[in-house]
C-alpha atoms as a PDB file:
ATOM      1  CA  MET A   1      17.157 -26.482   8.051  1.00  0.00           C
ATOM      2  CA  LYS A   2      14.150 -24.911   9.796  1.00  0.00           C
ATOM      3  CA  LYS A   3      12.168 -22.518   7.615  1.00  0.00           C
ATOM      4  CA  GLU A   4      12.038 -18.933   8.837  1.00  0.00           C
ATOM      5  CA  LYS A   5       8.540 -17.866   9.807  1.00  0.00           C
ATOM      6  CA  VAL A   6       6.836 -14.611   8.816  1.00  0.00           C
ATOM      7  CA  LEU A   7       3.663 -13.258  10.394  1.00  0.00           C
ATOM      8  CA  LEU A   8       1.908 -11.176   7.720  1.00  0.00           C
ATOM      9  CA  THR A   9      -1.107  -9.005   8.520  1.00  0.00           C
ATOM     10  CA  GLY A  10      -3.745  -8.400   5.854  1.00  0.00           C
ATOM     11  CA  VAL A  11      -3.143 -11.556   3.808  1.00  0.00           C
ATOM     12  CA  THR A  12      -6.349 -11.033   1.790  1.00  0.00           C
ATOM     13  CA  GLY A  13      -5.365  -7.548   0.622  1.00  0.00           C
ATOM     14  CA  PHE A  14      -3.887  -6.724  -2.789  1.00  0.00           C
ATOM     15  CA  LEU A  15      -0.349  -6.191  -1.491  1.00  0.00           C
ATOM     16  CA  GLY A  16      -0.709  -8.782   1.288  1.00  0.00           C
ATOM     17  CA  SER A  17      -1.591 -11.633  -1.074  1.00  0.00           C
ATOM     18  CA  HIS A  18       1.173 -10.798  -3.570  1.00  0.00           C
ATOM     19  CA  THR A  19       3.757 -10.540  -0.766  1.00  0.00           C
ATOM     20  CA  THR A  20       2.584 -13.889   0.635  1.00  0.00           C
ATOM     21  CA  ILE A  21       3.062 -15.532  -2.767  1.00  0.00           C
ATOM     22  CA  GLN A  22       6.622 -14.202  -3.064  1.00  0.00           C
ATOM     23  CA  LEU A  23       7.492 -15.233   0.512  1.00  0.00           C
ATOM     24  CA  LEU A  24       6.181 -18.770  -0.080  1.00  0.00           C
ATOM     25  CA  ASN A  25       8.102 -18.990  -3.359  1.00  0.00           C
ATOM     26  CA  LYS A  26      11.268 -18.017  -1.472  1.00  0.00           C
ATOM     27  CA  GLY A  27      10.780 -20.846   1.013  1.00  0.00           C
ATOM     28  CA  TYR A  28       9.400 -18.949   4.025  1.00  0.00           C
ATOM     29  CA  GLU A  29       6.618 -20.207   6.231  1.00  0.00           C
ATOM     30  CA  VAL A  30       3.807 -17.623   6.421  1.00  0.00           C
ATOM     31  CA  ILE A  31       1.046 -17.051   8.952  1.00  0.00           C
ATOM     32  CA  GLY A  32      -1.443 -14.711   7.286  1.00  0.00           C
ATOM     33  CA  THR A  33      -3.880 -12.784   9.440  1.00  0.00           C
ATOM     34  CA  LEU A  34      -7.364 -11.763   8.365  1.00  0.00           C
ATOM     35  CA  ARG A  35     -10.283 -10.126  10.102  1.00  0.00           C
ATOM     36  CA  ASN A  36     -12.658 -12.952   9.269  1.00  0.00           C
ATOM     37  CA  MET A  37     -11.820 -16.626   8.771  1.00  0.00           C
ATOM     38  CA  ASN A  38     -14.645 -16.857   6.205  1.00  0.00           C
ATOM     39  CA  ARG A  39     -12.215 -15.476   3.631  1.00  0.00           C
ATOM     40  CA  SER A  40      -9.460 -18.044   4.291  1.00  0.00           C
ATOM     41  CA  ASP A  41     -10.551 -20.757   1.827  1.00  0.00           C
ATOM     42  CA  ALA A  42     -11.036 -18.291  -1.029  1.00  0.00           C
ATOM     43  CA  ILE A  43      -7.676 -16.558  -0.536  1.00  0.00           C
ATOM     44  CA  LYS A  44      -5.898 -19.907  -0.108  1.00  0.00           C
ATOM     45  CA  GLN A  45      -7.193 -21.077  -3.498  1.00  0.00           C
ATOM     46  CA  ILE A  46      -6.043 -17.846  -5.153  1.00  0.00           C
ATOM     47  CA  ILE A  47      -2.566 -17.992  -3.600  1.00  0.00           C
ATOM     48  CA  ALA A  48      -2.255 -21.722  -4.421  1.00  0.00           C
ATOM     49  CA  LYS A  49      -2.559 -20.885  -8.141  1.00  0.00           C
ATOM     50  CA  ASN A  50       0.646 -18.845  -7.842  1.00  0.00           C
ATOM     51  CA  THR A  51       2.924 -21.011  -5.690  1.00  0.00           C
ATOM     52  CA  PRO A  52       3.760 -24.717  -5.245  1.00  0.00           C
ATOM     53  CA  ASN A  53       4.424 -24.090  -1.521  1.00  0.00           C
ATOM     54  CA  ILE A  54       0.862 -23.544  -0.345  1.00  0.00           C
ATOM     55  CA  ASN A  55       1.376 -26.002   2.531  1.00  0.00           C
ATOM     56  CA  SER A  56       3.689 -23.463   4.171  1.00  0.00           C
ATOM     57  CA  LEU A  57       0.776 -21.034   4.573  1.00  0.00           C
ATOM     58  CA  SER A  58      -1.539 -20.962   7.575  1.00  0.00           C
ATOM     59  CA  PHE A  59      -4.133 -18.414   8.735  1.00  0.00           C
ATOM     60  CA  ALA A  60      -5.139 -16.685  11.951  1.00  0.00           C
ATOM     61  CA  GLU A  61      -8.133 -14.469  12.659  1.00  0.00           C
ATOM     62  CA  ALA A  62      -6.977 -11.272  14.334  1.00  0.00           C
ATOM     63  CA  ASP A  63      -8.245  -7.797  15.130  1.00  0.00           C
ATOM     64  CA  LEU A  64      -5.665  -5.010  15.125  1.00  0.00           C
ATOM     65  CA  MET A  65      -7.080  -3.652  18.389  1.00  0.00           C
ATOM     66  CA  ASP A  66      -6.723  -6.969  20.276  1.00  0.00           C
ATOM     67  CA  GLN A  67      -3.360  -6.817  22.098  1.00  0.00           C
ATOM     68  CA  GLU A  68      -3.648 -10.395  23.432  1.00  0.00           C
ATOM     69  CA  ILE A  69      -3.937 -12.015  20.012  1.00  0.00           C
ATOM     70  CA  TRP A  70      -0.719 -10.334  18.834  1.00  0.00           C
ATOM     71  CA  ASN A  71       1.118 -11.532  21.938  1.00  0.00           C
ATOM     72  CA  ASP A  72       0.124 -15.072  20.958  1.00  0.00           C
ATOM     73  CA  LEU A  73       0.736 -14.767  17.221  1.00  0.00           C
ATOM     74  CA  THR A  74       4.245 -13.294  17.518  1.00  0.00           C
ATOM     75  CA  LYS A  75       5.527 -16.250  19.540  1.00  0.00           C
ATOM     76  CA  GLU A  76       8.112 -18.338  17.630  1.00  0.00           C
ATOM     77  CA  VAL A  77       7.994 -16.034  14.611  1.00  0.00           C
ATOM     78  CA  ASP A  78      11.131 -14.539  13.006  1.00  0.00           C
ATOM     79  CA  TYR A  79       9.684 -11.513  11.211  1.00  0.00           C
ATOM     80  CA  VAL A  80       6.459  -9.515  11.102  1.00  0.00           C
ATOM     81  CA  MET A  81       5.127  -7.764   8.009  1.00  0.00           C
ATOM     82  CA  HIS A  82       2.383  -5.381   9.066  1.00  0.00           C
ATOM     83  CA  ILE A  83       0.642  -4.675   5.764  1.00  0.00           C
ATOM     84  CA  ALA A  84      -3.005  -4.464   6.894  1.00  0.00           C
ATOM     85  CA  SER A  85      -4.478  -0.994   7.093  1.00  0.00           C
ATOM     86  CA  PRO A  86      -8.013   0.385   6.893  1.00  0.00           C
ATOM     87  CA  PHE A  87      -8.374   2.102   3.494  1.00  0.00           C
ATOM     88  CA  PRO A  88     -11.780   3.688   2.842  1.00  0.00           C
ATOM     89  CA  ARG A  89     -13.228   4.280  -0.616  1.00  0.00           C
ATOM     90  CA  GLU A  90     -14.904   7.395   0.759  1.00  0.00           C
ATOM     91  CA  LEU A  91     -13.894   9.849   3.468  1.00  0.00           C
ATOM     92  CA  PRO A  92     -15.041   8.614   6.900  1.00  0.00           C
ATOM     93  CA  LYS A  93     -17.436  10.718   8.997  1.00  0.00           C
ATOM     94  CA  HIS A  94     -14.989  10.695  11.920  1.00  0.00           C
ATOM     95  CA  GLU A  95     -11.283  10.618  11.140  1.00  0.00           C
ATOM     96  CA  ASP A  96     -10.581   8.801  14.419  1.00  0.00           C
ATOM     97  CA  ASP A  97     -12.365   5.784  12.885  1.00  0.00           C
ATOM     98  CA  LEU A  98      -9.234   5.515  10.737  1.00  0.00           C
ATOM     99  CA  ILE A  99      -6.513   7.056  12.889  1.00  0.00           C
ATOM    100  CA  ILE A 100      -7.095   5.113  16.116  1.00  0.00           C
ATOM    101  CA  PRO A 101      -7.062   1.575  14.612  1.00  0.00           C
ATOM    102  CA  ALA A 102      -4.079   2.464  12.387  1.00  0.00           C
ATOM    103  CA  LYS A 103      -1.998   3.814  15.280  1.00  0.00           C
ATOM    104  CA  GLU A 104      -3.106   1.449  18.054  1.00  0.00           C
ATOM    105  CA  GLY A 105      -2.936  -1.597  15.775  1.00  0.00           C
ATOM    106  CA  THR A 106       0.635  -0.736  14.810  1.00  0.00           C
ATOM    107  CA  LEU A 107       1.647  -0.227  18.446  1.00  0.00           C
ATOM    108  CA  ASN A 108      -0.029  -3.484  19.523  1.00  0.00           C
ATOM    109  CA  ILE A 109       2.016  -5.366  16.943  1.00  0.00           C
ATOM    110  CA  LEU A 110       5.273  -3.608  17.878  1.00  0.00           C
ATOM    111  CA  LYS A 111       4.773  -4.228  21.617  1.00  0.00           C
ATOM    112  CA  ALA A 112       4.093  -7.924  21.022  1.00  0.00           C
ATOM    113  CA  SER A 113       7.043  -8.191  18.601  1.00  0.00           C
ATOM    114  CA  ALA A 114       9.422  -6.585  21.108  1.00  0.00           C
ATOM    115  CA  LYS A 115       8.156  -8.850  23.896  1.00  0.00           C
ATOM    116  CA  ASN A 116       8.633 -12.022  21.834  1.00  0.00           C
ATOM    117  CA  ASN A 117      12.063 -11.141  20.378  1.00  0.00           C
ATOM    118  CA  ILE A 118      11.044 -10.743  16.745  1.00  0.00           C
ATOM    119  CA  LYS A 119      14.065  -9.800  14.588  1.00  0.00           C
ATOM    120  CA  ARG A 120      12.425  -7.093  12.501  1.00  0.00           C
ATOM    121  CA  VAL A 121       9.039  -5.572  11.734  1.00  0.00           C
ATOM    122  CA  ILE A 122       8.365  -4.315   8.207  1.00  0.00           C
ATOM    123  CA  LEU A 123       5.592  -1.735   8.379  1.00  0.00           C
ATOM    124  CA  THR A 124       3.654  -0.708   5.275  1.00  0.00           C
ATOM    125  CA  SER A 125       3.169   3.030   5.391  1.00  0.00           C
ATOM    126  CA  SER A 126       2.362   5.195   2.337  1.00  0.00           C
ATOM    127  CA  THR A 127       3.689   8.007   0.175  1.00  0.00           C
ATOM    128  CA  GLY A 128       0.806   9.774   1.919  1.00  0.00           C
ATOM    129  CA  SER A 129       3.083  10.070   4.947  1.00  0.00           C
ATOM    130  CA  ILE A 130       5.762  11.852   2.868  1.00  0.00           C
ATOM    131  CA  VAL A 131       4.317  14.421   0.450  1.00  0.00           C
ATOM    132  CA  TYR A 132       1.331  16.165   2.102  1.00  0.00           C
ATOM    133  CA  GLY A 133       0.607  18.932   4.596  1.00  0.00           C
ATOM    134  CA  LYS A 134       2.209  21.663   2.486  1.00  0.00           C
ATOM    135  CA  GLU A 135       1.236  25.249   1.692  1.00  0.00           C
ATOM    136  CA  LYS A 136      -0.298  25.627  -1.763  1.00  0.00           C
ATOM    137  CA  SER A 137       2.750  27.364  -3.260  1.00  0.00           C
ATOM    138  CA  ASN A 138       5.154  24.476  -2.580  1.00  0.00           C
ATOM    139  CA  ARG A 139       3.104  21.286  -2.962  1.00  0.00           C
ATOM    140  CA  SER A 140       4.608  20.285  -6.305  1.00  0.00           C
ATOM    141  CA  GLY A 141       8.206  19.110  -6.214  1.00  0.00           C
ATOM    142  CA  VAL A 142      10.481  16.125  -5.630  1.00  0.00           C
ATOM    143  CA  TYR A 143      10.366  14.520  -2.188  1.00  0.00           C
ATOM    144  CA  THR A 144      12.534  11.907  -0.434  1.00  0.00           C
ATOM    145  CA  GLU A 145      12.198   9.591   2.572  1.00  0.00           C
ATOM    146  CA  ASN A 146      13.504  12.460   4.739  1.00  0.00           C
ATOM    147  CA  ASP A 147      10.248  14.368   4.157  1.00  0.00           C
ATOM    148  CA  TRP A 148       7.198  13.971   6.381  1.00  0.00           C
ATOM    149  CA  THR A 149       3.558  14.924   5.926  1.00  0.00           C
ATOM    150  CA  ASP A 150       2.490  17.674   8.333  1.00  0.00           C
ATOM    151  CA  VAL A 151      -0.707  16.289   9.867  1.00  0.00           C
ATOM    152  CA  THR A 152      -1.571  19.665  11.445  1.00  0.00           C
ATOM    153  CA  ASN A 153      -2.249  21.056   7.969  1.00  0.00           C
ATOM    154  CA  LYS A 154      -5.818  19.834   7.408  1.00  0.00           C
ATOM    155  CA  LYS A 155      -6.176  21.622   4.063  1.00  0.00           C
ATOM    156  CA  ASP A 156      -3.481  19.507   2.405  1.00  0.00           C
ATOM    157  CA  THR A 157      -4.100  16.141   4.096  1.00  0.00           C
ATOM    158  CA  THR A 158      -6.932  13.605   4.186  1.00  0.00           C
ATOM    159  CA  PRO A 159      -7.921  11.430   7.167  1.00  0.00           C
ATOM    160  CA  TYR A 160      -6.286   8.439   5.449  1.00  0.00           C
ATOM    161  CA  PHE A 161      -2.962  10.226   4.901  1.00  0.00           C
ATOM    162  CA  ARG A 162      -3.071  11.528   8.465  1.00  0.00           C
ATOM    163  CA  SER A 163      -3.731   8.007   9.759  1.00  0.00           C
ATOM    164  CA  LYS A 164      -0.759   6.581   7.829  1.00  0.00           C
ATOM    165  CA  THR A 165       1.549   9.384   8.991  1.00  0.00           C
ATOM    166  CA  ILE A 166       0.482   9.181  12.633  1.00  0.00           C
ATOM    167  CA  ALA A 167       0.806   5.365  12.680  1.00  0.00           C
ATOM    168  CA  GLU A 168       4.272   5.454  11.089  1.00  0.00           C
ATOM    169  CA  GLN A 169       5.521   8.212  13.400  1.00  0.00           C
ATOM    170  CA  ALA A 170       4.167   6.295  16.413  1.00  0.00           C
ATOM    171  CA  ALA A 171       6.117   3.238  15.246  1.00  0.00           C
ATOM    172  CA  TRP A 172       9.404   5.158  15.016  1.00  0.00           C
ATOM    173  CA  ASP A 173       8.739   6.774  18.400  1.00  0.00           C
ATOM    174  CA  PHE A 174       8.168   3.343  19.929  1.00  0.00           C
ATOM    175  CA  ILE A 175      11.552   2.102  18.672  1.00  0.00           C
ATOM    176  CA  LYS A 176      13.284   5.284  19.884  1.00  0.00           C
ATOM    177  CA  THR A 177      11.782   5.369  23.353  1.00  0.00           C
ATOM    178  CA  ASN A 178      11.829   1.653  24.216  1.00  0.00           C
ATOM    179  CA  ASN A 179      14.960  -0.211  25.100  1.00  0.00           C
ATOM    180  CA  THR A 180      14.405  -3.004  22.588  1.00  0.00           C
ATOM    181  CA  LYS A 181      16.486  -5.007  20.126  1.00  0.00           C
ATOM    182  CA  LEU A 182      13.530  -4.990  17.729  1.00  0.00           C
ATOM    183  CA  GLU A 183      14.409  -3.557  14.305  1.00  0.00           C
ATOM    184  CA  LEU A 184      11.933  -1.531  12.228  1.00  0.00           C
ATOM    185  CA  THR A 185      11.822  -0.754   8.517  1.00  0.00           C
ATOM    186  CA  THR A 186       8.982   1.147   6.864  1.00  0.00           C
ATOM    187  CA  ILE A 187       7.868   0.992   3.223  1.00  0.00           C
ATOM    188  CA  CYS A 188       5.905   3.869   1.664  1.00  0.00           C
ATOM    189  CA  PRO A 189       4.188   2.717  -1.554  1.00  0.00           C
ATOM    190  CA  GLY A 190       2.527   5.015  -4.078  1.00  0.00           C
ATOM    191  CA  ALA A 191      -0.673   3.997  -5.892  1.00  0.00           C
ATOM    192  CA  ILE A 192      -0.376   0.211  -6.188  1.00  0.00           C
ATOM    193  CA  LEU A 193      -1.274  -1.196  -9.612  1.00  0.00           C
ATOM    194  CA  GLY A 194      -0.283  -4.437 -11.364  1.00  0.00           C
ATOM    195  CA  PRO A 195      -2.173  -7.728 -11.725  1.00  0.00           C
ATOM    196  CA  VAL A 196      -5.314  -8.118  -9.634  1.00  0.00           C
ATOM    197  CA  LEU A 197      -5.675 -11.711  -8.376  1.00  0.00           C
ATOM    198  CA  GLU A 198      -9.367 -11.752  -7.490  1.00  0.00           C
ATOM    199  CA  LYS A 199     -12.563  -9.745  -7.612  1.00  0.00           C
ATOM    200  CA  ASP A 200     -11.949  -8.388  -4.104  1.00  0.00           C
ATOM    201  CA  PHE A 201      -9.070  -6.149  -5.140  1.00  0.00           C
ATOM    202  CA  GLY A 202      -7.003  -3.202  -3.893  1.00  0.00           C
ATOM    203  CA  THR A 203      -8.469   0.285  -3.926  1.00  0.00           C
ATOM    204  CA  SER A 204      -5.814   1.666  -6.289  1.00  0.00           C
ATOM    205  CA  ALA A 205      -7.061  -0.596  -9.091  1.00  0.00           C
ATOM    206  CA  ASN A 206     -10.188   1.593  -9.213  1.00  0.00           C
ATOM    207  CA  ILE A 207      -8.050   4.183 -11.015  1.00  0.00           C
ATOM    208  CA  VAL A 208      -7.703   1.803 -13.966  1.00  0.00           C
ATOM    209  CA  ILE A 209     -11.284   0.503 -13.725  1.00  0.00           C
ATOM    210  CA  LYS A 210     -12.651   4.064 -13.957  1.00  0.00           C
ATOM    211  CA  MET A 211     -10.537   4.612 -17.070  1.00  0.00           C
ATOM    212  CA  ILE A 212     -11.706   1.569 -18.994  1.00  0.00           C
ATOM    213  CA  ASP A 213     -15.311   1.059 -17.867  1.00  0.00           C
ATOM    214  CA  GLY A 214     -16.547   3.649 -20.382  1.00  0.00           C
ATOM    215  CA  LYS A 215     -18.320   5.723 -17.726  1.00  0.00           C
ATOM    216  CA  SER A 216     -15.795   8.560 -17.296  1.00  0.00           C
ATOM    217  CA  PRO A 217     -16.382  11.381 -19.777  1.00  0.00           C
ATOM    218  CA  ALA A 218     -13.150  13.234 -18.939  1.00  0.00           C
ATOM    219  CA  LEU A 219      -9.928  13.126 -16.919  1.00  0.00           C
ATOM    220  CA  PRO A 220      -9.028  15.187 -13.858  1.00  0.00           C
ATOM    221  CA  LYS A 221      -5.806  17.192 -14.075  1.00  0.00           C
ATOM    222  CA  LEU A 222      -3.787  15.181 -11.615  1.00  0.00           C
ATOM    223  CA  GLY A 223      -1.219  12.437 -11.276  1.00  0.00           C
ATOM    224  CA  PHE A 224       0.541  10.332  -8.687  1.00  0.00           C
ATOM    225  CA  GLU A 225       3.482   8.042  -8.025  1.00  0.00           C
ATOM    226  CA  ILE A 226       2.779   4.463  -9.107  1.00  0.00           C
ATOM    227  CA  VAL A 227       4.277   1.114  -8.145  1.00  0.00           C
ATOM    228  CA  ASP A 228       3.549  -2.384  -9.429  1.00  0.00           C
ATOM    229  CA  VAL A 229       2.223  -4.622  -6.630  1.00  0.00           C
ATOM    230  CA  ARG A 230       4.887  -7.241  -7.462  1.00  0.00           C
ATOM    231  CA  SER A 231       7.640  -4.649  -7.038  1.00  0.00           C
ATOM    232  CA  ALA A 232       6.128  -3.368  -3.782  1.00  0.00           C
ATOM    233  CA  ALA A 233       6.046  -6.964  -2.462  1.00  0.00           C
ATOM    234  CA  ASP A 234       9.648  -7.496  -3.586  1.00  0.00           C
ATOM    235  CA  LEU A 235      10.766  -4.348  -1.742  1.00  0.00           C
ATOM    236  CA  HIS A 236       9.063  -5.539   1.460  1.00  0.00           C
ATOM    237  CA  ILE A 237      11.016  -8.803   1.286  1.00  0.00           C
ATOM    238  CA  LYS A 238      14.316  -7.091   0.443  1.00  0.00           C
ATOM    239  CA  ALA A 239      13.726  -4.771   3.414  1.00  0.00           C
ATOM    240  CA  MET A 240      13.127  -7.815   5.623  1.00  0.00           C
ATOM    241  CA  GLU A 241      16.221  -9.702   4.480  1.00  0.00           C
ATOM    242  CA  SER A 242      18.870  -6.997   4.132  1.00  0.00           C
ATOM    243  CA  PRO A 243      20.916  -5.909   7.165  1.00  0.00           C
ATOM    244  CA  LYS A 244      21.190  -2.475   5.496  1.00  0.00           C
ATOM    245  CA  ALA A 245      17.430  -1.921   5.767  1.00  0.00           C
ATOM    246  CA  SER A 246      17.251  -1.846   9.556  1.00  0.00           C
ATOM    247  CA  GLY A 247      16.023   1.526  10.834  1.00  0.00           C
ATOM    248  CA  GLU A 248      15.354   2.808   7.311  1.00  0.00           C
ATOM    249  CA  ARG A 249      12.360   4.181   5.469  1.00  0.00           C
ATOM    250  CA  PHE A 250      11.881   3.381   1.765  1.00  0.00           C
ATOM    251  CA  ALA A 251       9.599   4.914  -0.867  1.00  0.00           C
ATOM    252  CA  ALA A 252       8.141   2.179  -3.095  1.00  0.00           C
ATOM    253  CA  VAL A 253       7.552   4.189  -6.271  1.00  0.00           C
ATOM    254  CA  ALA A 254       8.459   3.725  -9.924  1.00  0.00           C
ATOM    255  CA  GLY A 255       7.633   7.173 -11.310  1.00  0.00           C
ATOM    256  CA  PHE A 256       4.990   9.875 -11.487  1.00  0.00           C
ATOM    257  CA  LEU A 257       2.214   9.591 -14.089  1.00  0.00           C
ATOM    258  CA  SER A 258      -0.660  11.926 -14.889  1.00  0.00           C
ATOM    259  CA  PHE A 259      -4.148  10.597 -15.611  1.00  0.00           C
ATOM    260  CA  LYS A 260      -3.633  11.826 -19.181  1.00  0.00           C
ATOM    261  CA  GLU A 261      -0.481   9.706 -19.610  1.00  0.00           C
ATOM    262  CA  LEU A 262      -2.153   6.719 -17.974  1.00  0.00           C
ATOM    263  CA  ALA A 263      -5.126   6.999 -20.335  1.00  0.00           C
ATOM    264  CA  ALA A 264      -2.771   7.142 -23.341  1.00  0.00           C
ATOM    265  CA  ILE A 265      -1.062   3.885 -22.262  1.00  0.00           C
ATOM    266  CA  LEU A 266      -4.434   2.164 -21.879  1.00  0.00           C
ATOM    267  CA  ARG A 267      -5.778   3.545 -25.159  1.00  0.00           C
ATOM    268  CA  GLU A 268      -2.859   2.055 -27.077  1.00  0.00           C
ATOM    269  CA  LYS A 269      -3.250  -1.363 -25.442  1.00  0.00           C
ATOM    270  CA  PHE A 270      -7.065  -1.479 -25.441  1.00  0.00           C
ATOM    271  CA  PRO A 271      -8.173   0.381 -28.600  1.00  0.00           C
ATOM    272  CA  ASN A 272     -11.726  -1.032 -28.343  1.00  0.00           C
ATOM    273  CA  LYS A 273     -12.334   0.478 -24.908  1.00  0.00           C
ATOM    274  CA  LYS A 274     -13.914   3.899 -24.554  1.00  0.00           C
ATOM    275  CA  ILE A 275     -11.116   5.719 -22.725  1.00  0.00           C
ATOM    276  CA  PRO A 276     -11.512   9.464 -22.064  1.00  0.00           C
ATOM    277  CA  LYS A 277      -9.232  12.061 -23.706  1.00  0.00           C
ATOM    278  CA  THR A 278     -10.704  15.352 -22.507  1.00  0.00           C
ATOM    279  CA  ILE A 279      -9.201  17.051 -19.452  1.00  0.00           C
ATOM    280  CA  LEU A 280     -11.780  18.220 -16.925  1.00  0.00           C
ATOM    281  CA  PRO A 281     -11.215  21.702 -15.446  1.00  0.00           C
ATOM    282  CA  ASN A 282     -10.377  21.656 -11.721  1.00  0.00           C
ATOM    283  CA  PHE A 283     -13.564  23.508 -10.719  1.00  0.00           C
ATOM    284  CA  ALA A 284     -15.657  20.850 -12.494  1.00  0.00           C
ATOM    285  CA  VAL A 285     -13.899  18.034 -10.595  1.00  0.00           C
ATOM    286  CA  ARG A 286     -14.597  19.839  -7.304  1.00  0.00           C
ATOM    287  CA  LEU A 287     -18.233  20.255  -8.272  1.00  0.00           C
ATOM    288  CA  PHE A 288     -18.548  16.634  -9.391  1.00  0.00           C
ATOM    289  CA  SER A 289     -16.992  15.387  -6.123  1.00  0.00           C
ATOM    290  CA  ASN A 290     -20.222  16.389  -4.353  1.00  0.00           C
ATOM    291  CA  ILE A 291     -21.970  13.684  -6.371  1.00  0.00           C
ATOM    292  CA  ASP A 292     -19.156  11.105  -6.574  1.00  0.00           C
ATOM    293  CA  LYS A 293     -17.784  11.030  -3.011  1.00  0.00           C
ATOM    294  CA  THR A 294     -14.820   8.824  -4.036  1.00  0.00           C
ATOM    295  CA  LEU A 295     -13.331  11.949  -5.669  1.00  0.00           C
ATOM    296  CA  LYS A 296     -13.143  13.900  -2.377  1.00  0.00           C
ATOM    297  CA  PRO A 297      -9.789  12.444  -1.233  1.00  0.00           C
ATOM    298  CA  ILE A 298      -8.044  13.371  -4.528  1.00  0.00           C
ATOM    299  CA  LEU A 299      -9.036  17.054  -4.574  1.00  0.00           C
ATOM    300  CA  ILE A 300      -5.819  18.076  -2.775  1.00  0.00           C
ATOM    301  CA  ASP A 301      -3.812  16.685  -5.701  1.00  0.00           C
ATOM    302  CA  LEU A 302      -5.550  18.657  -8.456  1.00  0.00           C
ATOM    303  CA  GLY A 303      -2.950  20.407 -10.603  1.00  0.00           C
ATOM    304  CA  MET A 304      -0.086  19.211  -8.348  1.00  0.00           C
ATOM    305  CA  GLU A 305       2.952  17.109  -9.210  1.00  0.00           C
ATOM    306  CA  ARG A 306       4.242  15.505  -6.021  1.00  0.00           C
ATOM    307  CA  LYS A 307       7.123  13.338  -7.185  1.00  0.00           C
ATOM    308  CA  ILE A 308       9.350  11.085  -5.080  1.00  0.00           C
ATOM    309  CA  ASP A 309      12.990  10.131  -5.613  1.00  0.00           C
ATOM    310  CA  ASN A 310      13.252   6.307  -5.482  1.00  0.00           C
ATOM    311  CA  SER A 311      17.061   6.096  -5.602  1.00  0.00           C
ATOM    312  CA  LYS A 312      17.436   5.047  -1.956  1.00  0.00           C
ATOM    313  CA  ALA A 313      15.724   1.663  -2.413  1.00  0.00           C
ATOM    314  CA  LYS A 314      17.572   1.114  -5.693  1.00  0.00           C
ATOM    315  CA  GLN A 315      20.995   1.905  -4.261  1.00  0.00           C
ATOM    316  CA  LEU A 316      20.712   0.414  -0.787  1.00  0.00           C
ATOM    317  CA  LEU A 317      18.660  -2.705  -1.618  1.00  0.00           C
ATOM    318  CA  ASN A 318      19.323  -3.116  -5.345  1.00  0.00           C
ATOM    319  CA  TRP A 319      15.573  -2.793  -5.954  1.00  0.00           C
ATOM    320  CA  GLN A 320      14.541  -2.725  -9.610  1.00  0.00           C
ATOM    321  CA  PRO A 321      10.865  -1.823  -9.962  1.00  0.00           C
ATOM    322  CA  ILE A 322       8.695  -2.983 -12.852  1.00  0.00           C
ATOM    323  CA  SER A 323       7.894  -0.125 -15.254  1.00  0.00           C
ATOM    324  CA  ASN A 324       4.722   1.906 -14.826  1.00  0.00           C
ATOM    325  CA  ASN A 325       3.700   0.931 -18.337  1.00  0.00           C
ATOM    326  CA  GLU A 326       3.755  -2.755 -17.438  1.00  0.00           C
ATOM    327  CA  ALA A 327       2.038  -2.128 -14.068  1.00  0.00           C
ATOM    328  CA  ILE A 328      -0.868  -0.327 -15.770  1.00  0.00           C
ATOM    329  CA  VAL A 329      -1.313  -2.815 -18.616  1.00  0.00           C
ATOM    330  CA  ALA A 330      -1.079  -5.820 -16.241  1.00  0.00           C
ATOM    331  CA  CYS A 331      -3.703  -4.238 -13.984  1.00  0.00           C
ATOM    332  CA  ALA A 332      -6.102  -3.546 -16.855  1.00  0.00           C
ATOM    333  CA  GLN A 333      -5.570  -6.983 -18.421  1.00  0.00           C
ATOM    334  CA  SER A 334      -6.291  -8.750 -15.129  1.00  0.00           C
ATOM    335  CA  ILE A 335      -9.462  -6.673 -14.637  1.00  0.00           C
ATOM    336  CA  VAL A 336     -10.655  -7.697 -18.103  1.00  0.00           C
ATOM    337  CA  ASN A 337      -9.697 -11.366 -17.542  1.00  0.00           C
ATOM    338  CA  LEU A 338     -11.523 -11.529 -14.199  1.00  0.00           C
ATOM    339  CA  ASP A 339     -14.664  -9.870 -15.625  1.00  0.00           C
ATOM    340  CA  ILE A 340     -14.517  -7.163 -12.954  1.00  0.00           C
ATOM    341  CA  LEU A 341     -15.975  -4.528 -15.281  1.00  0.00           C
END
């Protein structure tokens, strides 16, 4: 029987590499795209440690903005997982530097997929396309996949969240307005934690690094929805395989945690690490963000509790996410093991 083939964008990323491993372990053939072939040997070695089916993985160099390459790469492929997305550690000077590649890249992939009769595209979006763009009085609360971030509200969105929302909405509009058999499913993960595979890791892992590197004197008063990278990868594959997932949007979250709760979990597991206990007042975080620019994007979450109901993925796809506790400990342990600190 011929193996089904999956084209996966962003194979070197945190979620991309974990999803590739699970796909290979399930017997799929995977073509992983990366921006630069120089990374292919390194990522191949890392993935090979986690699967016996490394021979079913091949690589292709591709730029999201290059329509021609996607026309070629989607030929004779069954599914596309579009996981790659520009994620900055600091706010960009021009938001279009994020929004244009996110939107145009997504549309390039969808156009090529429709042209070459791909069965389904799984697009990685973000909880950032669900919970933002609200007035201050109603930012905290429980959201579902029916909610959308309002990108016109600049006070309660960041360029990254706007880019994810605009790209996802453009994808749904493409499916609606084009007479195509192509199916679309979108996955909206929260902060992705879990085991880091290499020193070039996902941005979310910085949350844990900043907790255990001994440099943070105090904790900001905020929290977020978390998901283990292995569970996020599993949901992508379930969404690809299940007929029920066509035309659906799924939040990949396993529960809301505050920085205070996260620190407590780490303190219990790593008693020798200097993990902060003090809560920093909101004004101090705002002040400090002028020095540490990586704090700028989180200011809109100070004092807020934006929670998301994950029952849809559980009920429709029988998804059972790994606990937040395990996601956090596995992330920290892998950081220690890889000497990232």
